[in-house]
Structure formats: C-alpha cells, structure tokens
PDB file of N, CA and C in Angstrom:
ATOM      1  N   MET A   1      -1.383  12.310  -1.204  1.00  0.00           N
ATOM      2  CA  MET A   1      -2.765  12.063  -0.875  1.00  0.00           C
ATOM      3  C   MET A   1      -2.913  10.594  -0.465  1.00  0.00           C
ATOM      4  N   PRO A   2      -3.649  10.305   0.588  1.00  0.00           N
ATOM      5  CA  PRO A   2      -3.809   8.920   1.039  1.00  0.00           C
ATOM      6  C   PRO A   2      -4.610   8.078   0.054  1.00  0.00           C
ATOM      7  N   MET A   3      -4.281   6.793   0.037  1.00  0.00           N
ATOM      8  CA  MET A   3      -5.023   5.826  -0.771  1.00  0.00           C
ATOM      9  C   MET A   3      -5.987   5.090   0.158  1.00  0.00           C
ATOM     10  N   TYR A   4      -7.224   4.952  -0.281  1.00  0.00           N
ATOM     11  CA  TYR A   4      -8.232   4.221   0.480  1.00  0.00           C
ATOM     12  C   TYR A   4      -8.725   3.054  -0.344  1.00  0.00           C
ATOM     13  N   VAL A   5      -9.079   1.964   0.354  1.00  0.00           N
ATOM     14  CA  VAL A   5      -9.587   0.764  -0.299  1.00  0.00           C
ATOM     15  C   VAL A   5     -11.077   0.653  -0.001  1.00  0.00           C
ATOM     16  N   TYR A   6     -11.852   0.397  -1.047  1.00  0.00           N
ATOM     17  CA  TYR A   6     -13.298   0.212  -0.917  1.00  0.00           C
ATOM     18  C   TYR A   6     -13.688  -1.136  -1.504  1.00  0.00           C
ATOM     19  N   GLU A   7     -14.733  -1.735  -0.931  1.00  0.00           N
ATOM     20  CA  GLU A   7     -15.301  -2.982  -1.440  1.00  0.00           C
ATOM     21  C   GLU A   7     -16.815  -2.860  -1.467  1.00  0.00           C
ATOM     22  N   ALA A   8     -17.430  -3.651  -2.330  1.00  0.00           N
ATOM     23  CA  ALA A   8     -18.884  -3.668  -2.415  1.00  0.00           C
ATOM     24  C   ALA A   8     -19.470  -4.304  -1.161  1.00  0.00           C
ATOM     25  N   LYS A   9     -20.580  -3.756  -0.675  1.00  0.00           N
ATOM     26  CA  LYS A   9     -21.236  -4.338   0.498  1.00  0.00           C
ATOM     27  C   LYS A   9     -21.772  -5.725   0.163  1.00  0.00           C
ATOM     28  N   GLU A  10     -22.270  -5.880  -1.051  1.00  0.00           N
ATOM     29  CA  GLU A  10     -22.748  -7.176  -1.535  1.00  0.00           C
ATOM     30  C   GLU A  10     -22.026  -7.461  -2.849  1.00  0.00           C
ATOM     31  N   PRO A  11     -20.903  -8.214  -2.802  1.00  0.00           N
ATOM     32  CA  PRO A  11     -20.065  -8.415  -3.991  1.00  0.00           C
ATOM     33  C   PRO A  11     -20.798  -8.982  -5.201  1.00  0.00           C
ATOM     34  N   GLU A  12     -21.809  -9.803  -4.976  1.00  0.00           N
ATOM     35  CA  GLU A  12     -22.530 -10.392  -6.117  1.00  0.00           C
ATOM     36  C   GLU A  12     -23.340  -9.350  -6.895  1.00  0.00           C
ATOM     37  N   GLN A  13     -23.618  -8.210  -6.285  1.00  0.00           N
ATOM     38  CA  GLN A  13     -24.377  -7.167  -6.963  1.00  0.00           C
ATOM     39  C   GLN A  13     -23.470  -6.103  -7.578  1.00  0.00           C
ATOM     40  N   GLY A  14     -22.185  -6.116  -7.251  1.00  0.00           N
ATOM     41  CA  GLY A  14     -21.262  -5.105  -7.750  1.00  0.00           C
ATOM     42  C   GLY A  14     -20.609  -5.510  -9.057  1.00  0.00           C
ATOM     43  N   CYS A  15     -19.878  -4.577  -9.637  1.00  0.00           N
ATOM     44  CA  CYS A  15     -19.138  -4.844 -10.868  1.00  0.00           C
ATOM     45  C   CYS A  15     -17.815  -5.533 -10.519  1.00  0.00           C
ATOM     46  N   ALA A  16     -17.028  -5.865 -11.520  1.00  0.00           N
ATOM     47  CA  ALA A  16     -15.741  -6.528 -11.293  1.00  0.00           C
ATOM     48  C   ALA A  16     -14.810  -5.645 -10.460  1.00  0.00           C
ATOM     49  N   LYS A  17     -14.925  -4.336 -10.621  1.00  0.00           N
ATOM     50  CA  LYS A  17     -14.060  -3.412  -9.889  1.00  0.00           C
ATOM     51  C   LYS A  17     -14.355  -3.432  -8.391  1.00  0.00           C
ATOM     52  N   CYS A  18     -15.598  -3.238  -8.014  1.00  0.00           N
ATOM     53  CA  CYS A  18     -15.918  -3.116  -6.590  1.00  0.00           C
ATOM     54  C   CYS A  18     -16.144  -4.464  -5.901  1.00  0.00           C
ATOM     55  N   ALA A  19     -16.433  -5.513  -6.651  1.00  0.00           N
ATOM     56  CA  ALA A  19     -16.641  -6.817  -6.032  1.00  0.00           C
ATOM     57  C   ALA A  19     -15.355  -7.328  -5.390  1.00  0.00           C
ATOM     58  N   HIS A  20     -14.221  -7.019  -5.992  1.00  0.00           N
ATOM     59  CA  HIS A  20     -12.934  -7.488  -5.470  1.00  0.00           C
ATOM     60  C   HIS A  20     -12.182  -6.394  -4.727  1.00  0.00           C
ATOM     61  N   GLY A  21     -12.727  -5.196  -4.684  1.00  0.00           N
ATOM     62  CA  GLY A  21     -12.091  -4.074  -3.998  1.00  0.00           C
ATOM     63  C   GLY A  21     -11.280  -3.222  -4.949  1.00  0.00           C
ATOM     64  N   PHE A  22     -11.225  -1.931  -4.672  1.00  0.00           N
ATOM     65  CA  PHE A  22     -10.458  -1.004  -5.486  1.00  0.00           C
ATOM     66  C   PHE A  22      -9.868   0.076  -4.598  1.00  0.00           C
ATOM     67  N   GLU A  23      -8.784   0.670  -5.070  1.00  0.00           N
ATOM     68  CA  GLU A  23      -8.114   1.759  -4.348  1.00  0.00           C
ATOM     69  C   GLU A  23      -8.438   3.076  -5.021  1.00  0.00           C
ATOM     70  N   ILE A  24      -8.536   4.111  -4.217  1.00  0.00           N
ATOM     71  CA  ILE A  24      -8.783   5.448  -4.744  1.00  0.00           C
ATOM     72  C   ILE A  24      -8.048   6.462  -3.862  1.00  0.00           C
ATOM     73  N   ALA A  25      -7.430   7.447  -4.507  1.00  0.00           N
ATOM     74  CA  ALA A  25      -6.742   8.506  -3.771  1.00  0.00           C
ATOM     75  C   ALA A  25      -7.761   9.581  -3.414  1.00  0.00           C
ATOM     76  N   GLN A  26      -7.830   9.898  -2.132  1.00  0.00           N
ATOM     77  CA  GLN A  26      -8.753  10.912  -1.639  1.00  0.00           C
ATOM     78  C   GLN A  26      -8.051  11.771  -0.610  1.00  0.00           C
ATOM     79  N   SER A  27      -8.460  13.019  -0.535  1.00  0.00           N
ATOM     80  CA  SER A  27      -7.973  13.885   0.522  1.00  0.00           C
ATOM     81  C   SER A  27      -8.535  13.386   1.838  1.00  0.00           C
ATOM     82  N   ILE A  28      -7.832  13.649   2.898  1.00  0.00           N
ATOM     83  CA  ILE A  28      -8.311  13.224   4.211  1.00  0.00           C
ATOM     84  C   ILE A  28      -9.612  13.943   4.585  1.00  0.00           C
ATOM     85  N   ASN A  29      -9.871  15.093   3.948  1.00  0.00           N
ATOM     86  CA  ASN A  29     -11.084  15.861   4.225  1.00  0.00           C
ATOM     87  C   ASN A  29     -12.267  15.451   3.357  1.00  0.00           C
ATOM     88  N   ASP A  30     -12.023  14.649   2.310  1.00  0.00           N
ATOM     89  CA  ASP A  30     -13.116  14.201   1.440  1.00  0.00           C
ATOM     90  C   ASP A  30     -14.039  13.242   2.178  1.00  0.00           C
ATOM     91  N   ALA A  31     -15.292  13.261   1.807  1.00  0.00           N
ATOM     92  CA  ALA A  31     -16.258  12.329   2.388  1.00  0.00           C
ATOM     93  C   ALA A  31     -16.007  10.923   1.853  1.00  0.00           C
ATOM     94  N   LYS A  32     -16.361   9.914   2.666  1.00  0.00           N
ATOM     95  CA  LYS A  32     -16.224   8.524   2.224  1.00  0.00           C
ATOM     96  C   LYS A  32     -17.143   8.285   1.042  1.00  0.00           C
ATOM     97  N   LEU A  33     -16.698   7.402   0.143  1.00  0.00           N
ATOM     98  CA  LEU A  33     -17.571   7.005  -0.963  1.00  0.00           C
ATOM     99  C   LEU A  33     -18.686   6.123  -0.413  1.00  0.00           C
ATOM    100  N   THR A  34     -19.852   6.246  -0.965  1.00  0.00           N
ATOM    101  CA  THR A  34     -20.967   5.381  -0.565  1.00  0.00           C
ATOM    102  C   THR A  34     -21.396   4.488  -1.713  1.00  0.00           C
ATOM    103  N   ALA A  35     -20.965   4.833  -2.938  1.00  0.00           N
ATOM    104  CA  ALA A  35     -21.331   4.061  -4.119  1.00  0.00           C
ATOM    105  C   ALA A  35     -20.117   3.909  -5.019  1.00  0.00           C
ATOM    106  N   CYS A  36     -20.069   2.805  -5.748  1.00  0.00           N
ATOM    107  CA  CYS A  36     -18.985   2.547  -6.703  1.00  0.00           C
ATOM    108  C   CYS A  36     -19.053   3.584  -7.819  1.00  0.00           C
ATOM    109  N   PRO A  37     -17.921   4.180  -8.193  1.00  0.00           N
ATOM    110  CA  PRO A  37     -17.937   5.178  -9.263  1.00  0.00           C
ATOM    111  C   PRO A  37     -18.318   4.592 -10.623  1.00  0.00           C
ATOM    112  N   ASP A  38     -18.127   3.268 -10.815  1.00  0.00           N
ATOM    113  CA  ASP A  38     -18.441   2.645 -12.098  1.00  0.00           C
ATOM    114  C   ASP A  38     -19.885   2.165 -12.207  1.00  0.00           C
ATOM    115  N   CYS A  39     -20.342   1.407 -11.195  1.00  0.00           N
ATOM    116  CA  CYS A  39     -21.675   0.794 -11.327  1.00  0.00           C
ATOM    117  C   CYS A  39     -22.714   1.351 -10.352  1.00  0.00           C
ATOM    118  N   GLY A  40     -22.299   2.090  -9.329  1.00  0.00           N
ATOM    119  CA  GLY A  40     -23.242   2.673  -8.390  1.00  0.00           C
ATOM    120  C   GLY A  40     -23.655   1.766  -7.247  1.00  0.00           C
ATOM    121  N   ALA A  41     -23.047   0.561  -7.155  1.00  0.00           N
ATOM    122  CA  ALA A  41     -23.376  -0.367  -6.062  1.00  0.00           C
ATOM    123  C   ALA A  41     -22.865   0.217  -4.742  1.00  0.00           C
ATOM    124  N   PRO A  42     -23.558  -0.056  -3.635  1.00  0.00           N
ATOM    125  CA  PRO A  42     -23.112   0.446  -2.326  1.00  0.00           C
ATOM    126  C   PRO A  42     -21.748  -0.138  -1.951  1.00  0.00           C
ATOM    127  N   VAL A  43     -20.841   0.714  -1.459  1.00  0.00           N
ATOM    128  CA  VAL A  43     -19.503   0.280  -1.053  1.00  0.00           C
ATOM    129  C   VAL A  43     -19.203   0.758   0.360  1.00  0.00           C
ATOM    130  N   PHE A  44     -18.184   0.155   0.966  1.00  0.00           N
ATOM    131  CA  PHE A  44     -17.720   0.580   2.275  1.00  0.00           C
ATOM    132  C   PHE A  44     -16.208   0.663   2.252  1.00  0.00           C
ATOM    133  N   ARG A  45     -15.649   1.509   3.108  1.00  0.00           N
ATOM    134  CA  ARG A  45     -14.199   1.680   3.188  1.00  0.00           C
ATOM    135  C   ARG A  45     -13.618   0.575   4.054  1.00  0.00           C
ATOM    136  N   VAL A  46     -12.576  -0.068   3.553  1.00  0.00           N
ATOM    137  CA  VAL A  46     -11.887  -1.129   4.271  1.00  0.00           C
ATOM    138  C   VAL A  46     -10.805  -0.485   5.133  1.00  0.00           C
ATOM    139  N   ILE A  47     -10.794  -0.814   6.406  1.00  0.00           N
ATOM    140  CA  ILE A  47      -9.797  -0.264   7.316  1.00  0.00           C
ATOM    141  C   ILE A  47      -8.515  -1.069   7.150  1.00  0.00           C
ATOM    142  N   GLN A  48      -7.401  -0.352   6.917  1.00  0.00           N
ATOM    143  CA  GLN A  48      -6.106  -0.995   6.737  1.00  0.00           C
ATOM    144  C   GLN A  48      -5.064  -0.320   7.599  1.00  0.00           C
ATOM    145  N   ALA A  49      -4.022  -1.069   7.916  1.00  0.00           N
ATOM    146  CA  ALA A  49      -2.912  -0.501   8.682  1.00  0.00           C
ATOM    147  C   ALA A  49      -2.149   0.475   7.793  1.00  0.00           C
ATOM    148  N   PRO A  50      -1.738   1.591   8.343  1.00  0.00           N
ATOM    149  CA  PRO A  50      -0.986   2.557   7.533  1.00  0.00           C
ATOM    150  C   PRO A  50       0.418   2.054   7.229  1.00  0.00           C
ATOM    151  N   GLY A  51       0.958   2.468   6.119  1.00  0.00           N
ATOM    152  CA  GLY A  51       2.330   2.132   5.764  1.00  0.00           C
ATOM    153  C   GLY A  51       3.271   3.164   6.357  1.00  0.00           C
ATOM    154  N   LEU A  52       3.713   2.935   7.579  1.00  0.00           N
ATOM    155  CA  LEU A  52       4.515   3.926   8.284  1.00  0.00           C
ATOM    156  C   LEU A  52       6.008   3.804   8.011  1.00  0.00           C
ATOM    157  N   GLY A  53       6.490   2.591   7.804  1.00  0.00           N
ATOM    158  CA  GLY A  53       7.923   2.407   7.645  1.00  0.00           C
ATOM    159  C   GLY A  53       8.291   1.976   6.245  1.00  0.00           C
ATOM    160  N   ARG A  54       9.551   1.971   6.005  1.00  0.00           N
ATOM    161  CA  ARG A  54      10.062   1.499   4.722  1.00  0.00           C
ATOM    162  C   ARG A  54      10.599   0.086   4.935  1.00  0.00           C
ATOM    163  N   SER A  55      10.447  -0.748   3.926  1.00  0.00           N
ATOM    164  CA  SER A  55      10.958  -2.103   4.036  1.00  0.00           C
ATOM    165  C   SER A  55      12.477  -2.104   3.937  1.00  0.00           C
ATOM    166  N   GLU A  56      13.090  -3.168   4.418  1.00  0.00           N
ATOM    167  CA  GLU A  56      14.545  -3.265   4.401  1.00  0.00           C
ATOM    168  C   GLU A  56      15.068  -3.283   2.969  1.00  0.00           C
ATOM    169  N   THR A  57      14.374  -3.962   2.064  1.00  0.00           N
ATOM    170  CA  THR A  57      14.829  -4.013   0.673  1.00  0.00           C
ATOM    171  C   THR A  57      14.745  -2.639   0.029  1.00  0.00           C
ATOM    172  N   ASP A  58      13.750  -1.850   0.390  1.00  0.00           N
ATOM    173  CA  ASP A  58      13.637  -0.495  -0.148  1.00  0.00           C
ATOM    174  C   ASP A  58      14.811   0.360   0.318  1.00  0.00           C
ATOM    175  N   LEU A  59      15.197   0.213   1.570  1.00  0.00           N
ATOM    176  CA  LEU A  59      16.329   0.975   2.098  1.00  0.00           C
ATOM    177  C   LEU A  59      17.626   0.570   1.407  1.00  0.00           C
ATOM    178  N   HIS A  60      17.803  -0.737   1.148  1.00  0.00           N
ATOM    179  CA  HIS A  60      18.995  -1.204   0.454  1.00  0.00           C
ATOM    180  C   HIS A  60      19.021  -0.681  -0.974  1.00  0.00           C
ATOM    181  N   TYR A  61      17.902  -0.681  -1.637  1.00  0.00           N
ATOM    182  CA  TYR A  61      17.820  -0.164  -3.004  1.00  0.00           C
ATOM    183  C   TYR A  61      18.180   1.316  -3.039  1.00  0.00           C
ATOM    184  N   ARG A  62      17.635   2.081  -2.108  1.00  0.00           N
ATOM    185  CA  ARG A  62      17.913   3.521  -2.070  1.00  0.00           C
ATOM    186  C   ARG A  62      19.389   3.782  -1.776  1.00  0.00           C
ATOM    187  N   ALA A  63      19.997   2.988  -0.886  1.00  0.00           N
ATOM    188  CA  ALA A  63      21.414   3.163  -0.572  1.00  0.00           C
ATOM    189  C   ALA A  63      22.273   2.839  -1.792  1.00  0.00           C
ATOM    190  N   LYS A  64      21.957   1.751  -2.486  1.00  0.00           N
ATOM    191  CA  LYS A  64      22.714   1.359  -3.675  1.00  0.00           C
ATOM    192  C   LYS A  64      22.603   2.433  -4.754  1.00  0.00           C
ATOM    193  N   ARG A  65      21.404   2.954  -4.945  1.00  0.00           N
ATOM    194  CA  ARG A  65      21.172   3.987  -5.952  1.00  0.00           C
ATOM    195  C   ARG A  65      21.968   5.255  -5.628  1.00  0.00           C
ATOM    196  N   ALA A  66      22.174   5.531  -4.341  1.00  0.00           N
ATOM    197  CA  ALA A  66      22.918   6.716  -3.924  1.00  0.00           C
ATOM    198  C   ALA A  66      24.430   6.479  -3.921  1.00  0.00           C
ATOM    199  N   GLY A  67      24.861   5.245  -4.250  1.00  0.00           N
ATOM    200  CA  GLY A  67      26.291   4.957  -4.330  1.00  0.00           C
ATOM    201  C   GLY A  67      26.891   4.376  -3.064  1.00  0.00           C
ATOM    202  N   PHE A  68      26.068   4.000  -2.088  1.00  0.00           N
ATOM    203  CA  PHE A  68      26.564   3.411  -0.849  1.00  0.00           C
ATOM    204  C   PHE A  68      26.487   1.893  -0.925  1.00  0.00           C
ATOM    205  N   LYS A  69      27.198   1.227  -0.020  1.00  0.00           N
ATOM    206  CA  LYS A  69      27.111  -0.227   0.089  1.00  0.00           C
ATOM    207  C   LYS A  69      26.429  -0.576   1.403  1.00  0.00           C
ATOM    208  N   CYS A  70      25.622  -1.599   1.383  1.00  0.00           N
ATOM    209  CA  CYS A  70      24.979  -2.096   2.599  1.00  0.00           C
ATOM    210  C   CYS A  70      25.744  -3.332   3.059  1.00  0.00           C
ATOM    211  N   LEU A  71      26.068  -3.372   4.339  1.00  0.00           N
ATOM    212  CA  LEU A  71      26.833  -4.481   4.892  1.00  0.00           C
ATOM    213  C   LEU A  71      26.011  -5.231   5.929  1.00  0.00           C
ATOM    214  N   LYS A  72      26.301  -6.534   6.039  1.00  0.00           N
ATOM    215  CA  LYS A  72      25.636  -7.377   7.029  1.00  0.00           C
ATOM    216  C   LYS A  72      26.712  -7.901   7.972  1.00  0.00           C
ATOM    217  N   LYS A  73      26.452  -7.854   9.268  1.00  0.00           N
ATOM    218  CA  LYS A  73      27.423  -8.319  10.257  1.00  0.00           C
ATOM    219  C   LYS A  73      27.466  -9.842  10.226  1.00  0.00           C
ATOM    220  N   VAL A  74      28.666 -10.409  10.044  1.00  0.00           N
ATOM    221  CA  VAL A  74      28.852 -11.859  10.013  1.00  0.00           C
ATOM    222  C   VAL A  74      29.284 -12.341  11.398  1.00  0.00           C
ATOM    223  N   THR A  75      30.361 -11.779  11.894  1.00  0.00           N
ATOM    224  CA  THR A  75      30.846 -12.060  13.246  1.00  0.00           C
ATOM    225  C   THR A  75      31.301 -10.736  13.842  1.00  0.00           C
ATOM    226  N   LYS A  76      31.790 -10.799  15.063  1.00  0.00           N
ATOM    227  CA  LYS A  76      32.237  -9.566  15.719  1.00  0.00           C
ATOM    228  C   LYS A  76      33.383  -8.930  14.915  1.00  0.00           C
ATOM    229  N   GLY A  77      33.143  -7.732  14.418  1.00  0.00           N
ATOM    230  CA  GLY A  77      34.143  -7.006  13.648  1.00  0.00           C
ATOM    231  C   GLY A  77      34.257  -7.427  12.196  1.00  0.00           C
ATOM    232  N   GLU A  78      33.428  -8.368  11.715  1.00  0.00           N
ATOM    233  CA  GLU A  78      33.498  -8.825  10.336  1.00  0.00           C
ATOM    234  C   GLU A  78      32.147  -8.601   9.653  1.00  0.00           C
ATOM    235  N   TYR A  79      32.201  -7.973   8.504  1.00  0.00           N
ATOM    236  CA  TYR A  79      30.991  -7.663   7.742  1.00  0.00           C
ATOM    237  C   TYR A  79      31.152  -8.113   6.302  1.00  0.00           C
ATOM    238  N   GLU A  80      30.051  -8.412   5.644  1.00  0.00           N
ATOM    239  CA  GLU A  80      30.079  -8.753   4.227  1.00  0.00           C
ATOM    240  C   GLU A  80      29.016  -7.923   3.491  1.00  0.00           C
ATOM    241  N   PRO A  81      29.291  -7.592   2.235  1.00  0.00           N
ATOM    242  CA  PRO A  81      28.302  -6.803   1.480  1.00  0.00           C
ATOM    243  C   PRO A  81      27.035  -7.607   1.202  1.00  0.00           C
ATOM    244  N   ILE A  82      25.904  -6.923   1.245  1.00  0.00           N
ATOM    245  CA  ILE A  82      24.619  -7.579   0.981  1.00  0.00           C
ATOM    246  C   ILE A  82      24.414  -7.763  -0.515  1.00  0.00           C
ATOM    247  N   TYR A  83      24.872  -6.815  -1.307  1.00  0.00           N
ATOM    248  CA  TYR A  83      24.727  -6.894  -2.769  1.00  0.00           C
ATOM    249  C   TYR A  83      26.032  -6.625  -3.435  1.00  0.00           C
TER     250      TYR A  83
END
C-alpha cells in the first residue's frame, strides 16, 4: 500500500503530528484526508517523488545477504571487493 505524506494547512493551528507532517498508508482508491486524524485540523497531501529504484547500498546488502560478493572495477581487468 502506498505511503502518503500530509501536513497541516496552518501549522500553528495543528497538533505536533500534523504541524511537522505525518505519513499514512492508504489505498490508491481511498479519498485524500482533509483533516488530521488526531486533532481535526485541515491538512493537505504533500506531493513527493516516488521511490522507483533501489539504492546502491541496498543492492550491496541484498547481495551480501544472499552470499554473493560485490566488486568494484579498479583498472581494466582488475577488481576489488567492496565489502
């Protein structure tokens, strides 16, 4: 389920949760929140870039966990282990 970020429209009127922004898991078919679930202050959805790729460190961690080694090219035909 996607995570969405919401912030208070007027942070000084919101609670600690919505004044600084909060994340909530919602179905893509669910309606946008219009009020903070804790205090009822008006909120809006913050548009963010989707997380489409995996970071390089995540890929190295997954490879190590699976028993593989990650290598970095040093010179032509020469490689050294990253970890």
